[in-house]
Amino acid sequence: MAVPLGGGDRYRARVTASYDRDSGLLEEGANEYVEEEIFSETVTASRNVIQFKNVIKERLYYREENGSSREISMLDIRAGLPEDVSRYYAVIEMEELPDFYGGIREFRQEPGICHSTGLCGRRG
């Protein structure tokens, strides 16, 4: 089955089978099942959206040149926002789900989030 995926669309997945439970017997058509539903479930799928549920904690990390990582608790932006974000990644902890690791695409400053000193702390 192939369907186009959107942003959080719900789909009904069905598995059907045609079979004969009396294979090899002389009776023709007895115990024959055609397009019998053997499994059905509604699923939500998306190619472009990840939904985070019951977030416990979010953390920002920086990967050092030697391969080790350190957690960033405060990001000093007095000289501007970091332009090279390739060494930064985030870890999102969710209740009863595996941790999500994701690379950082960009940093941006939004009014009301950072203090006037230029030290921008993570909200959480």
PDB file of N, CA and C in Angstrom:
ATOM      1  N   MET A   1       0.854  -1.166   0.000  1.00  0.00           N
ATOM      2  CA  MET A   1       0.000   0.000   0.000  1.00  0.00           C
ATOM      3  C   MET A   1       0.900   1.227   0.000  1.00  0.00           C
ATOM      4  N   ALA A   2       0.621   2.191  -0.834  1.00  0.00           N
ATOM      5  CA  ALA A   2       1.388   3.437  -0.897  1.00  0.00           C
ATOM      6  C   ALA A   2       0.422   4.612  -0.868  1.00  0.00           C
ATOM      7  N   VAL A   3       0.676   5.542   0.052  1.00  0.00           N
ATOM      8  CA  VAL A   3      -0.147   6.749   0.154  1.00  0.00           C
ATOM      9  C   VAL A   3       0.790   7.932   0.371  1.00  0.00           C
ATOM     10  N   PRO A   4       0.430   9.110  -0.119  1.00  0.00           N
ATOM     11  CA  PRO A   4       1.276  10.277   0.147  1.00  0.00           C
ATOM     12  C   PRO A   4       1.185  10.667   1.620  1.00  0.00           C
ATOM     13  N   LEU A   5       2.325  11.036   2.224  1.00  0.00           N
ATOM     14  CA  LEU A   5       2.346  11.414   3.629  1.00  0.00           C
ATOM     15  C   LEU A   5       2.283  12.923   3.774  1.00  0.00           C
ATOM     16  N   GLY A   6       1.497  13.379   4.718  1.00  0.00           N
ATOM     17  CA  GLY A   6       1.403  14.801   5.028  1.00  0.00           C
ATOM     18  C   GLY A   6       1.910  15.041   6.432  1.00  0.00           C
ATOM     19  N   GLY A   7       1.470  16.100   7.060  1.00  0.00           N
ATOM     20  CA  GLY A   7       1.905  16.449   8.406  1.00  0.00           C
ATOM     21  C   GLY A   7       0.999  15.866   9.461  1.00  0.00           C
ATOM     22  N   GLY A   8       1.240  14.665   9.913  1.00  0.00           N
ATOM     23  CA  GLY A   8       0.448  14.063  10.978  1.00  0.00           C
ATOM     24  C   GLY A   8      -0.871  13.502  10.500  1.00  0.00           C
ATOM     25  N   ASP A   9      -0.884  12.876   9.341  1.00  0.00           N
ATOM     26  CA  ASP A   9      -2.112  12.283   8.815  1.00  0.00           C
ATOM     27  C   ASP A   9      -2.382  10.932   9.467  1.00  0.00           C
ATOM     28  N   ARG A  10      -3.665  10.599   9.576  1.00  0.00           N
ATOM     29  CA  ARG A  10      -4.067   9.307  10.143  1.00  0.00           C
ATOM     30  C   ARG A  10      -4.449   8.376   9.002  1.00  0.00           C
ATOM     31  N   TYR A  11      -3.969   7.150   9.094  1.00  0.00           N
ATOM     32  CA  TYR A  11      -4.233   6.150   8.070  1.00  0.00           C
ATOM     33  C   TYR A  11      -4.735   4.881   8.733  1.00  0.00           C
ATOM     34  N   ARG A  12      -5.562   4.156   8.011  1.00  0.00           N
ATOM     35  CA  ARG A  12      -6.028   2.858   8.497  1.00  0.00           C
ATOM     36  C   ARG A  12      -5.283   1.802   7.700  1.00  0.00           C
ATOM     37  N   ALA A  13      -4.469   0.999   8.383  1.00  0.00           N
ATOM     38  CA  ALA A  13      -3.718  -0.070   7.735  1.00  0.00           C
ATOM     39  C   ALA A  13      -4.485  -1.378   7.907  1.00  0.00           C
ATOM     40  N   ARG A  14      -4.698  -2.067   6.799  1.00  0.00           N
ATOM     41  CA  ARG A  14      -5.412  -3.357   6.821  1.00  0.00           C
ATOM     42  C   ARG A  14      -4.577  -4.402   6.102  1.00  0.00           C
ATOM     43  N   VAL A  15      -4.520  -5.590   6.690  1.00  0.00           N
ATOM     44  CA  VAL A  15      -3.868  -6.725   6.041  1.00  0.00           C
ATOM     45  C   VAL A  15      -4.957  -7.751   5.778  1.00  0.00           C
ATOM     46  N   THR A  16      -5.102  -8.112   4.505  1.00  0.00           N
ATOM     47  CA  THR A  16      -6.101  -9.113   4.133  1.00  0.00           C
ATOM     48  C   THR A  16      -5.406 -10.294   3.482  1.00  0.00           C
ATOM     49  N   ALA A  17      -6.060 -11.449   3.525  1.00  0.00           N
ATOM     50  CA  ALA A  17      -5.500 -12.659   2.925  1.00  0.00           C
ATOM     51  C   ALA A  17      -6.623 -13.503   2.348  1.00  0.00           C
ATOM     52  N   SER A  18      -6.304 -14.216   1.288  1.00  0.00           N
ATOM     53  CA  SER A  18      -7.209 -15.212   0.710  1.00  0.00           C
ATOM     54  C   SER A  18      -6.543 -16.567   0.905  1.00  0.00           C
ATOM     55  N   TYR A  19      -7.265 -17.504   1.481  1.00  0.00           N
ATOM     56  CA  TYR A  19      -6.671 -18.811   1.758  1.00  0.00           C
ATOM     57  C   TYR A  19      -7.757 -19.875   1.842  1.00  0.00           C
ATOM     58  N   ASP A  20      -7.317 -21.118   1.788  1.00  0.00           N
ATOM     59  CA  ASP A  20      -8.204 -22.287   1.875  1.00  0.00           C
ATOM     60  C   ASP A  20      -7.662 -23.161   2.990  1.00  0.00           C
ATOM     61  N   ARG A  21      -8.462 -23.367   4.018  1.00  0.00           N
ATOM     62  CA  ARG A  21      -8.014 -24.150   5.169  1.00  0.00           C
ATOM     63  C   ARG A  21      -8.045 -25.648   4.895  1.00  0.00           C
ATOM     64  N   ASP A  22      -8.651 -26.056   3.793  1.00  0.00           N
ATOM     65  CA  ASP A  22      -8.756 -27.472   3.462  1.00  0.00           C
ATOM     66  C   ASP A  22      -7.914 -27.823   2.251  1.00  0.00           C
ATOM     67  N   SER A  23      -6.785 -27.223   2.077  1.00  0.00           N
ATOM     68  CA  SER A  23      -5.937 -27.508   0.911  1.00  0.00           C
ATOM     69  C   SER A  23      -5.644 -29.001   0.837  1.00  0.00           C
ATOM     70  N   GLY A  24      -5.765 -29.560  -0.374  1.00  0.00           N
ATOM     71  CA  GLY A  24      -5.472 -30.974  -0.584  1.00  0.00           C
ATOM     72  C   GLY A  24      -6.668 -31.891  -0.400  1.00  0.00           C
ATOM     73  N   LEU A  25      -7.811 -31.353   0.012  1.00  0.00           N
ATOM     74  CA  LEU A  25      -8.998 -32.201   0.176  1.00  0.00           C
ATOM     75  C   LEU A  25      -9.807 -32.198  -1.115  1.00  0.00           C
ATOM     76  N   LEU A  26     -10.737 -33.134  -1.212  1.00  0.00           N
ATOM     77  CA  LEU A  26     -11.546 -33.268  -2.421  1.00  0.00           C
ATOM     78  C   LEU A  26     -12.614 -32.198  -2.555  1.00  0.00           C
ATOM     79  N   GLU A  27     -13.032 -31.586  -1.463  1.00  0.00           N
ATOM     80  CA  GLU A  27     -14.096 -30.586  -1.528  1.00  0.00           C
ATOM     81  C   GLU A  27     -13.585 -29.303  -2.174  1.00  0.00           C
ATOM     82  N   GLU A  28     -14.307 -28.791  -3.111  1.00  0.00           N
ATOM     83  CA  GLU A  28     -13.935 -27.540  -3.785  1.00  0.00           C
ATOM     84  C   GLU A  28     -14.664 -26.376  -3.116  1.00  0.00           C
ATOM     85  N   GLY A  29     -13.951 -25.364  -2.623  1.00  0.00           N
ATOM     86  CA  GLY A  29     -14.567 -24.171  -2.068  1.00  0.00           C
ATOM     87  C   GLY A  29     -14.932 -24.261  -0.596  1.00  0.00           C
ATOM     88  N   ALA A  30     -14.852 -25.419   0.033  1.00  0.00           N
ATOM     89  CA  ALA A  30     -15.169 -25.526   1.465  1.00  0.00           C
ATOM     90  C   ALA A  30     -14.028 -24.909   2.265  1.00  0.00           C
ATOM     91  N   ASN A  31     -14.358 -24.147   3.289  1.00  0.00           N
ATOM     92  CA  ASN A  31     -13.389 -23.474   4.148  1.00  0.00           C
ATOM     93  C   ASN A  31     -12.444 -22.554   3.357  1.00  0.00           C
ATOM     94  N   GLU A  32     -12.969 -21.943   2.316  1.00  0.00           N
ATOM     95  CA  GLU A  32     -12.191 -21.016   1.515  1.00  0.00           C
ATOM     96  C   GLU A  32     -12.515 -19.592   1.966  1.00  0.00           C
ATOM     97  N   TYR A  33     -11.500 -18.802   2.170  1.00  0.00           N
ATOM     98  CA  TYR A  33     -11.670 -17.432   2.629  1.00  0.00           C
ATOM     99  C   TYR A  33     -11.034 -16.498   1.607  1.00  0.00           C
ATOM    100  N   VAL A  34     -11.775 -15.476   1.200  1.00  0.00           N
ATOM    101  CA  VAL A  34     -11.297 -14.522   0.198  1.00  0.00           C
ATOM    102  C   VAL A  34     -11.299 -13.128   0.821  1.00  0.00           C
ATOM    103  N   GLU A  35     -10.142 -12.431   0.706  1.00  0.00           N
ATOM    104  CA  GLU A  35      -9.983 -11.076   1.238  1.00  0.00           C
ATOM    105  C   GLU A  35     -10.413 -10.991   2.709  1.00  0.00           C
ATOM    106  N   GLU A  36     -10.012 -11.951   3.486  1.00  0.00           N
ATOM    107  CA  GLU A  36     -10.308 -11.992   4.917  1.00  0.00           C
ATOM    108  C   GLU A  36      -9.373 -11.033   5.645  1.00  0.00           C
ATOM    109  N   GLU A  37      -9.922 -10.134   6.464  1.00  0.00           N
ATOM    110  CA  GLU A  37      -9.093  -9.190   7.221  1.00  0.00           C
ATOM    111  C   GLU A  37      -8.462  -9.926   8.387  1.00  0.00           C
ATOM    112  N   ILE A  38      -7.118  -9.932   8.402  1.00  0.00           N
ATOM    113  CA  ILE A  38      -6.424 -10.627   9.489  1.00  0.00           C
ATOM    114  C   ILE A  38      -5.751  -9.657  10.457  1.00  0.00           C
ATOM    115  N   PHE A  39      -5.646  -8.373  10.075  1.00  0.00           N
ATOM    116  CA  PHE A  39      -5.073  -7.354  10.959  1.00  0.00           C
ATOM    117  C   PHE A  39      -5.545  -5.985  10.496  1.00  0.00           C
ATOM    118  N   SER A  40      -5.823  -5.101  11.478  1.00  0.00           N
ATOM    119  CA  SER A  40      -6.245  -3.748  11.153  1.00  0.00           C
ATOM    120  C   SER A  40      -5.815  -2.821  12.281  1.00  0.00           C
ATOM    121  N   GLU A  41      -5.254  -1.655  11.904  1.00  0.00           N
ATOM    122  CA  GLU A  41      -4.841  -0.684  12.909  1.00  0.00           C
ATOM    123  C   GLU A  41      -4.819   0.704  12.293  1.00  0.00           C
ATOM    124  N   THR A  42      -5.187   1.714  13.089  1.00  0.00           N
ATOM    125  CA  THR A  42      -5.098   3.101  12.654  1.00  0.00           C
ATOM    126  C   THR A  42      -3.759   3.649  13.119  1.00  0.00           C
ATOM    127  N   VAL A  43      -3.005   4.270  12.208  1.00  0.00           N
ATOM    128  CA  VAL A  43      -1.692   4.804  12.539  1.00  0.00           C
ATOM    129  C   VAL A  43      -1.610   6.260  12.103  1.00  0.00           C
ATOM    130  N   THR A  44      -0.761   7.007  12.790  1.00  0.00           N
ATOM    131  CA  THR A  44      -0.472   8.383  12.394  1.00  0.00           C
ATOM    132  C   THR A  44       0.948   8.390  11.849  1.00  0.00           C
ATOM    133  N   ALA A  45       1.122   8.941  10.680  1.00  0.00           N
ATOM    134  CA  ALA A  45       2.437   8.937  10.044  1.00  0.00           C
ATOM    135  C   ALA A  45       2.698  10.274   9.383  1.00  0.00           C
ATOM    136  N   SER A  46       3.971  10.622   9.304  1.00  0.00           N
ATOM    137  CA  SER A  46       4.360  11.851   8.645  1.00  0.00           C
ATOM    138  C   SER A  46       5.807  11.754   8.221  1.00  0.00           C
ATOM    139  N   ARG A  47       6.123  12.344   7.111  1.00  0.00           N
ATOM    140  CA  ARG A  47       7.502  12.385   6.645  1.00  0.00           C
ATOM    141  C   ARG A  47       8.236  13.574   7.248  1.00  0.00           C
ATOM    142  N   ASN A  48       7.535  14.632   7.609  1.00  0.00           N
ATOM    143  CA  ASN A  48       8.175  15.886   7.994  1.00  0.00           C
ATOM    144  C   ASN A  48       7.985  16.294   9.448  1.00  0.00           C
ATOM    145  N   VAL A  49       7.254  15.526  10.242  1.00  0.00           N
ATOM    146  CA  VAL A  49       6.902  15.964  11.585  1.00  0.00           C
ATOM    147  C   VAL A  49       7.285  14.903  12.613  1.00  0.00           C
ATOM    148  N   ILE A  50       7.889  15.341  13.707  1.00  0.00           N
ATOM    149  CA  ILE A  50       8.145  14.469  14.843  1.00  0.00           C
ATOM    150  C   ILE A  50       7.392  15.068  16.022  1.00  0.00           C
ATOM    151  N   GLN A  51       6.617  14.243  16.703  1.00  0.00           N
ATOM    152  CA  GLN A  51       5.850  14.732  17.846  1.00  0.00           C
ATOM    153  C   GLN A  51       6.526  14.267  19.125  1.00  0.00           C
ATOM    154  N   PHE A  52       6.866  15.225  19.985  1.00  0.00           N
ATOM    155  CA  PHE A  52       7.465  14.908  21.269  1.00  0.00           C
ATOM    156  C   PHE A  52       6.365  14.896  22.321  1.00  0.00           C
ATOM    157  N   LYS A  53       6.279  13.796  23.069  1.00  0.00           N
ATOM    158  CA  LYS A  53       5.249  13.683  24.106  1.00  0.00           C
ATOM    159  C   LYS A  53       5.915  13.489  25.457  1.00  0.00           C
ATOM    160  N   ASN A  54       5.335  14.100  26.470  1.00  0.00           N
ATOM    161  CA  ASN A  54       5.799  13.957  27.847  1.00  0.00           C
ATOM    162  C   ASN A  54       7.306  14.204  27.965  1.00  0.00           C
ATOM    163  N   VAL A  55       7.737  15.372  27.494  1.00  0.00           N
ATOM    164  CA  VAL A  55       9.155  15.729  27.555  1.00  0.00           C
ATOM    165  C   VAL A  55       9.549  15.947  29.008  1.00  0.00           C
ATOM    166  N   ILE A  56      10.601  15.262  29.419  1.00  0.00           N
ATOM    167  CA  ILE A  56      11.100  15.362  30.788  1.00  0.00           C
ATOM    168  C   ILE A  56      12.219  16.403  30.867  1.00  0.00           C
ATOM    169  N   LYS A  57      13.115  16.366  29.868  1.00  0.00           N
ATOM    170  CA  LYS A  57      14.285  17.235  29.910  1.00  0.00           C
ATOM    171  C   LYS A  57      14.831  17.416  28.498  1.00  0.00           C
ATOM    172  N   GLU A  58      15.351  18.606  28.225  1.00  0.00           N
ATOM    173  CA  GLU A  58      16.046  18.848  26.966  1.00  0.00           C
ATOM    174  C   GLU A  58      17.425  19.425  27.294  1.00  0.00           C
ATOM    175  N   ARG A  59      18.442  18.922  26.582  1.00  0.00           N
ATOM    176  CA  ARG A  59      19.810  19.352  26.860  1.00  0.00           C
ATOM    177  C   ARG A  59      20.521  19.671  25.552  1.00  0.00           C
ATOM    178  N   LEU A  60      21.450  20.633  25.610  1.00  0.00           N
ATOM    179  CA  LEU A  60      22.261  21.017  24.469  1.00  0.00           C
ATOM    180  C   LEU A  60      23.693  20.570  24.731  1.00  0.00           C
ATOM    181  N   TYR A  61      24.334  19.978  23.719  1.00  0.00           N
ATOM    182  CA  TYR A  61      25.710  19.495  23.841  1.00  0.00           C
ATOM    183  C   TYR A  61      26.580  20.076  22.741  1.00  0.00           C
ATOM    184  N   TYR A  62      27.896  20.131  23.023  1.00  0.00           N
ATOM    185  CA  TYR A  62      28.889  20.556  22.060  1.00  0.00           C
ATOM    186  C   TYR A  62      29.901  19.427  21.918  1.00  0.00           C
ATOM    187  N   ARG A  63      30.178  19.019  20.690  1.00  0.00           N
ATOM    188  CA  ARG A  63      31.146  17.951  20.421  1.00  0.00           C
ATOM    189  C   ARG A  63      32.521  18.580  20.198  1.00  0.00           C
ATOM    190  N   GLU A  64      33.462  18.258  21.078  1.00  0.00           N
ATOM    191  CA  GLU A  64      34.825  18.793  21.008  1.00  0.00           C
ATOM    192  C   GLU A  64      35.572  18.167  19.823  1.00  0.00           C
ATOM    193  N   GLU A  65      36.679  18.774  19.444  1.00  0.00           N
ATOM    194  CA  GLU A  65      37.479  18.260  18.332  1.00  0.00           C
ATOM    195  C   GLU A  65      38.038  16.868  18.608  1.00  0.00           C
ATOM    196  N   ASN A  66      38.275  16.533  19.889  1.00  0.00           N
ATOM    197  CA  ASN A  66      38.811  15.215  20.236  1.00  0.00           C
ATOM    198  C   ASN A  66      37.716  14.136  20.296  1.00  0.00           C
ATOM    199  N   GLY A  67      36.456  14.519  20.002  1.00  0.00           N
ATOM    200  CA  GLY A  67      35.356  13.551  19.973  1.00  0.00           C
ATOM    201  C   GLY A  67      34.522  13.503  21.241  1.00  0.00           C
ATOM    202  N   SER A  68      35.032  14.076  22.335  1.00  0.00           N
ATOM    203  CA  SER A  68      34.239  14.087  23.565  1.00  0.00           C
ATOM    204  C   SER A  68      33.148  15.152  23.462  1.00  0.00           C
ATOM    205  N   SER A  69      32.146  15.031  24.303  1.00  0.00           N
ATOM    206  CA  SER A  69      31.032  15.989  24.308  1.00  0.00           C
ATOM    207  C   SER A  69      30.899  16.614  25.680  1.00  0.00           C
ATOM    208  N   ARG A  70      30.418  17.847  25.697  1.00  0.00           N
ATOM    209  CA  ARG A  70      30.127  18.501  26.976  1.00  0.00           C
ATOM    210  C   ARG A  70      28.762  19.165  26.879  1.00  0.00           C
ATOM    211  N   GLU A  71      28.067  19.128  28.012  1.00  0.00           N
ATOM    212  CA  GLU A  71      26.742  19.757  28.054  1.00  0.00           C
ATOM    213  C   GLU A  71      26.909  21.268  28.143  1.00  0.00           C
ATOM    214  N   ILE A  72      26.085  21.993  27.397  1.00  0.00           N
ATOM    215  CA  ILE A  72      26.094  23.453  27.414  1.00  0.00           C
ATOM    216  C   ILE A  72      24.926  23.910  28.290  1.00  0.00           C
ATOM    217  N   SER A  73      25.270  24.532  29.416  1.00  0.00           N
ATOM    218  CA  SER A  73      24.206  25.026  30.287  1.00  0.00           C
ATOM    219  C   SER A  73      23.946  26.508  30.052  1.00  0.00           C
ATOM    220  N   MET A  74      24.933  27.208  29.466  1.00  0.00           N
ATOM    221  CA  MET A  74      24.805  28.624  29.180  1.00  0.00           C
ATOM    222  C   MET A  74      25.549  28.891  27.875  1.00  0.00           C
ATOM    223  N   LEU A  75      24.924  29.629  26.977  1.00  0.00           N
ATOM    224  CA  LEU A  75      25.531  29.940  25.686  1.00  0.00           C
ATOM    225  C   LEU A  75      25.857  31.434  25.657  1.00  0.00           C
ATOM    226  N   ASP A  76      27.133  31.762  25.608  1.00  0.00           N
ATOM    227  CA  ASP A  76      27.588  33.155  25.621  1.00  0.00           C
ATOM    228  C   ASP A  76      27.436  33.726  24.210  1.00  0.00           C
ATOM    229  N   ILE A  77      26.525  34.687  24.039  1.00  0.00           N
ATOM    230  CA  ILE A  77      26.271  35.254  22.711  1.00  0.00           C
ATOM    231  C   ILE A  77      26.701  36.720  22.630  1.00  0.00           C
ATOM    232  N   ARG A  78      27.557  37.159  23.557  1.00  0.00           N
ATOM    233  CA  ARG A  78      28.004  38.565  23.526  1.00  0.00           C
ATOM    234  C   ARG A  78      28.727  38.890  22.226  1.00  0.00           C
ATOM    235  N   ALA A  79      29.401  37.921  21.636  1.00  0.00           N
ATOM    236  CA  ALA A  79      30.104  38.140  20.368  1.00  0.00           C
ATOM    237  C   ALA A  79      29.238  37.692  19.182  1.00  0.00           C
ATOM    238  N   GLY A  80      27.989  37.372  19.453  1.00  0.00           N
ATOM    239  CA  GLY A  80      27.085  36.914  18.402  1.00  0.00           C
ATOM    240  C   GLY A  80      26.746  35.437  18.555  1.00  0.00           C
ATOM    241  N   LEU A  81      25.766  35.015  17.814  1.00  0.00           N
ATOM    242  CA  LEU A  81      25.356  33.616  17.845  1.00  0.00           C
ATOM    243  C   LEU A  81      26.367  32.759  17.091  1.00  0.00           C
ATOM    244  N   PRO A  82      26.573  31.517  17.531  1.00  0.00           N
ATOM    245  CA  PRO A  82      27.502  30.637  16.801  1.00  0.00           C
ATOM    246  C   PRO A  82      27.029  30.432  15.366  1.00  0.00           C
ATOM    247  N   GLU A  83      27.959  30.587  14.422  1.00  0.00           N
ATOM    248  CA  GLU A  83      27.612  30.380  13.014  1.00  0.00           C
ATOM    249  C   GLU A  83      27.787  28.925  12.609  1.00  0.00           C
ATOM    250  N   ASP A  84      28.843  28.270  13.141  1.00  0.00           N
ATOM    251  CA  ASP A  84      29.076  26.865  12.827  1.00  0.00           C
ATOM    252  C   ASP A  84      28.331  26.010  13.845  1.00  0.00           C
ATOM    253  N   VAL A  85      27.213  25.468  13.447  1.00  0.00           N
ATOM    254  CA  VAL A  85      26.391  24.688  14.373  1.00  0.00           C
ATOM    255  C   VAL A  85      26.643  23.185  14.242  1.00  0.00           C
ATOM    256  N   SER A  86      27.576  22.783  13.389  1.00  0.00           N
ATOM    257  CA  SER A  86      27.793  21.360  13.104  1.00  0.00           C
ATOM    258  C   SER A  86      28.255  20.569  14.319  1.00  0.00           C
ATOM    259  N   ARG A  87      28.827  21.220  15.313  1.00  0.00           N
ATOM    260  CA  ARG A  87      29.305  20.505  16.508  1.00  0.00           C
ATOM    261  C   ARG A  87      28.272  20.476  17.643  1.00  0.00           C
ATOM    262  N   TYR A  88      27.131  21.111  17.469  1.00  0.00           N
ATOM    263  CA  TYR A  88      26.100  21.142  18.501  1.00  0.00           C
ATOM    264  C   TYR A  88      25.027  20.092  18.214  1.00  0.00           C
ATOM    265  N   TYR A  89      24.490  19.507  19.280  1.00  0.00           N
ATOM    266  CA  TYR A  89      23.343  18.617  19.141  1.00  0.00           C
ATOM    267  C   TYR A  89      22.493  18.677  20.409  1.00  0.00           C
ATOM    268  N   ALA A  90      21.243  18.282  20.264  1.00  0.00           N
ATOM    269  CA  ALA A  90      20.305  18.312  21.391  1.00  0.00           C
ATOM    270  C   ALA A  90      19.883  16.893  21.737  1.00  0.00           C
ATOM    271  N   VAL A  91      19.599  16.683  23.010  1.00  0.00           N
ATOM    272  CA  VAL A  91      19.051  15.417  23.488  1.00  0.00           C
ATOM    273  C   VAL A  91      17.724  15.738  24.177  1.00  0.00           C
ATOM    274  N   ILE A  92      16.655  15.123  23.709  1.00  0.00           N
ATOM    275  CA  ILE A  92      15.324  15.319  24.287  1.00  0.00           C
ATOM    276  C   ILE A  92      14.927  14.036  25.007  1.00  0.00           C
ATOM    277  N   GLU A  93      14.709  14.123  26.322  1.00  0.00           N
ATOM    278  CA  GLU A  93      14.258  12.963  27.100  1.00  0.00           C
ATOM    279  C   GLU A  93      12.745  13.009  27.210  1.00  0.00           C
ATOM    280  N   MET A  94      12.102  11.872  26.934  1.00  0.00           N
ATOM    281  CA  MET A  94      10.648  11.759  27.034  1.00  0.00           C
ATOM    282  C   MET A  94      10.288  10.590  27.935  1.00  0.00           C
ATOM    283  N   GLU A  95       9.192  10.734  28.631  1.00  0.00           N
ATOM    284  CA  GLU A  95       8.721   9.696  29.539  1.00  0.00           C
ATOM    285  C   GLU A  95       8.346   8.448  28.745  1.00  0.00           C
ATOM    286  N   GLU A  96       8.916   7.310  29.142  1.00  0.00           N
ATOM    287  CA  GLU A  96       8.615   5.997  28.569  1.00  0.00           C
ATOM    288  C   GLU A  96       8.922   5.883  27.077  1.00  0.00           C
ATOM    289  N   LEU A  97       9.806   6.745  26.556  1.00  0.00           N
ATOM    290  CA  LEU A  97      10.231   6.683  25.160  1.00  0.00           C
ATOM    291  C   LEU A  97      11.753   6.810  25.116  1.00  0.00           C
ATOM    292  N   PRO A  98      12.392   6.313  24.049  1.00  0.00           N
ATOM    293  CA  PRO A  98      13.844   6.495  23.942  1.00  0.00           C
ATOM    294  C   PRO A  98      14.205   7.967  23.777  1.00  0.00           C
ATOM    295  N   ASP A  99      15.405   8.331  24.210  1.00  0.00           N
ATOM    296  CA  ASP A  99      15.879   9.709  24.036  1.00  0.00           C
ATOM    297  C   ASP A  99      16.022  10.009  22.551  1.00  0.00           C
ATOM    298  N   PHE A 100      15.719  11.261  22.172  1.00  0.00           N
ATOM    299  CA  PHE A 100      15.857  11.705  20.787  1.00  0.00           C
ATOM    300  C   PHE A 100      17.103  12.559  20.684  1.00  0.00           C
ATOM    301  N   TYR A 101      17.987  12.221  19.753  1.00  0.00           N
ATOM    302  CA  TYR A 101      19.206  12.990  19.489  1.00  0.00           C
ATOM    303  C   TYR A 101      19.034  13.679  18.147  1.00  0.00           C
ATOM    304  N   GLY A 102      19.276  14.980  18.110  1.00  0.00           N
ATOM    305  CA  GLY A 102      19.127  15.706  16.854  1.00  0.00           C
ATOM    306  C   GLY A 102      20.170  16.794  16.709  1.00  0.00           C
ATOM    307  N   GLY A 103      20.669  16.946  15.489  1.00  0.00           N
ATOM    308  CA  GLY A 103      21.619  18.009  15.196  1.00  0.00           C
ATOM    309  C   GLY A 103      20.933  19.361  15.217  1.00  0.00           C
ATOM    310  N   ILE A 104      21.701  20.398  15.471  1.00  0.00           N
ATOM    311  CA  ILE A 104      21.172  21.758  15.502  1.00  0.00           C
ATOM    312  C   ILE A 104      21.320  22.358  14.108  1.00  0.00           C
ATOM    313  N   ARG A 105      20.251  22.913  13.581  1.00  0.00           N
ATOM    314  CA  ARG A 105      20.272  23.526  12.253  1.00  0.00           C
ATOM    315  C   ARG A 105      20.700  24.988  12.322  1.00  0.00           C
ATOM    316  N   GLU A 106      20.239  25.708  13.348  1.00  0.00           N
ATOM    317  CA  GLU A 106      20.602  27.118  13.481  1.00  0.00           C
ATOM    318  C   GLU A 106      20.326  27.579  14.904  1.00  0.00           C
ATOM    319  N   PHE A 107      20.980  28.675  15.287  1.00  0.00           N
ATOM    320  CA  PHE A 107      20.670  29.399  16.511  1.00  0.00           C
ATOM    321  C   PHE A 107      20.032  30.707  16.091  1.00  0.00           C
ATOM    322  N   ARG A 108      19.034  31.144  16.822  1.00  0.00           N
ATOM    323  CA  ARG A 108      18.461  32.462  16.552  1.00  0.00           C
ATOM    324  C   ARG A 108      18.043  33.072  17.880  1.00  0.00           C
ATOM    325  N   GLN A 109      18.109  34.384  17.934  1.00  0.00           N
ATOM    326  CA  GLN A 109      17.751  35.116  19.147  1.00  0.00           C
ATOM    327  C   GLN A 109      16.353  35.677  18.968  1.00  0.00           C
ATOM    328  N   GLU A 110      15.497  35.389  19.933  1.00  0.00           N
ATOM    329  CA  GLU A 110      14.125  35.879  19.907  1.00  0.00           C
ATOM    330  C   GLU A 110      13.911  36.821  21.080  1.00  0.00           C
ATOM    331  N   PRO A 111      13.158  37.896  20.875  1.00  0.00           N
ATOM    332  CA  PRO A 111      12.923  38.865  21.960  1.00  0.00           C
ATOM    333  C   PRO A 111      12.309  38.192  23.188  1.00  0.00           C
ATOM    334  N   GLY A 112      12.831  38.578  24.359  1.00  0.00           N
ATOM    335  CA  GLY A 112      12.254  38.093  25.609  1.00  0.00           C
ATOM    336  C   GLY A 112      12.836  36.794  26.111  1.00  0.00           C
ATOM    337  N   ILE A 113      13.695  36.141  25.339  1.00  0.00           N
ATOM    338  CA  ILE A 113      14.251  34.866  25.785  1.00  0.00           C
ATOM    339  C   ILE A 113      15.631  35.052  26.405  1.00  0.00           C
ATOM    340  N   CYS A 114      16.454  35.948  25.863  1.00  0.00           N
ATOM    341  CA  CYS A 114      17.815  36.142  26.358  1.00  0.00           C
ATOM    342  C   CYS A 114      17.889  37.375  27.246  1.00  0.00           C
ATOM    343  N   HIS A 115      18.783  37.324  28.215  1.00  0.00           N
ATOM    344  CA  HIS A 115      18.977  38.450  29.128  1.00  0.00           C
ATOM    345  C   HIS A 115      19.836  39.514  28.463  1.00  0.00           C
ATOM    346  N   SER A 116      19.789  40.735  28.989  1.00  0.00           N
ATOM    347  CA  SER A 116      20.528  41.855  28.407  1.00  0.00           C
ATOM    348  C   SER A 116      22.031  41.693  28.532  1.00  0.00           C
ATOM    349  N   THR A 117      22.509  40.806  29.415  1.00  0.00           N
ATOM    350  CA  THR A 117      23.950  40.591  29.554  1.00  0.00           C
ATOM    351  C   THR A 117      24.520  39.853  28.354  1.00  0.00           C
ATOM    352  N   GLY A 118      23.674  39.276  27.541  1.00  0.00           N
ATOM    353  CA  GLY A 118      24.156  38.516  26.394  1.00  0.00           C
ATOM    354  C   GLY A 118      24.363  37.059  26.695  1.00  0.00           C
ATOM    355  N   LEU A 119      24.168  36.628  27.927  1.00  0.00           N
ATOM    356  CA  LEU A 119      24.265  35.223  28.269  1.00  0.00           C
ATOM    357  C   LEU A 119      22.883  34.606  28.113  1.00  0.00           C
ATOM    358  N   CYS A 120      22.787  33.673  27.224  1.00  0.00           N
ATOM    359  CA  CYS A 120      21.482  33.086  26.899  1.00  0.00           C
ATOM    360  C   CYS A 120      21.406  31.694  27.514  1.00  0.00           C
ATOM    361  N   GLY A 121      20.560  31.524  28.503  1.00  0.00           N
ATOM    362  CA  GLY A 121      20.388  30.218  29.117  1.00  0.00           C
ATOM    363  C   GLY A 121      19.288  29.440  28.438  1.00  0.00           C
ATOM    364  N   ARG A 122      19.395  28.117  28.525  1.00  0.00           N
ATOM    365  CA  ARG A 122      18.341  27.270  27.959  1.00  0.00           C
ATOM    366  C   ARG A 122      17.113  27.365  28.849  1.00  0.00           C
ATOM    367  N   ARG A 123      15.960  27.385  28.218  1.00  0.00           N
ATOM    368  CA  ARG A 123      14.710  27.351  28.977  1.00  0.00           C
ATOM    369  C   ARG A 123      14.381  25.898  29.271  1.00  0.00           C
ATOM    370  N   GLY A 124      13.741  25.651  30.398  1.00  0.00           N
ATOM    371  CA  GLY A 124      13.421  24.253  30.659  1.00  0.00           C
ATOM    372  C   GLY A 124      12.747  24.015  31.921  1.00  0.00           C
TER     373      GLY A 124
END
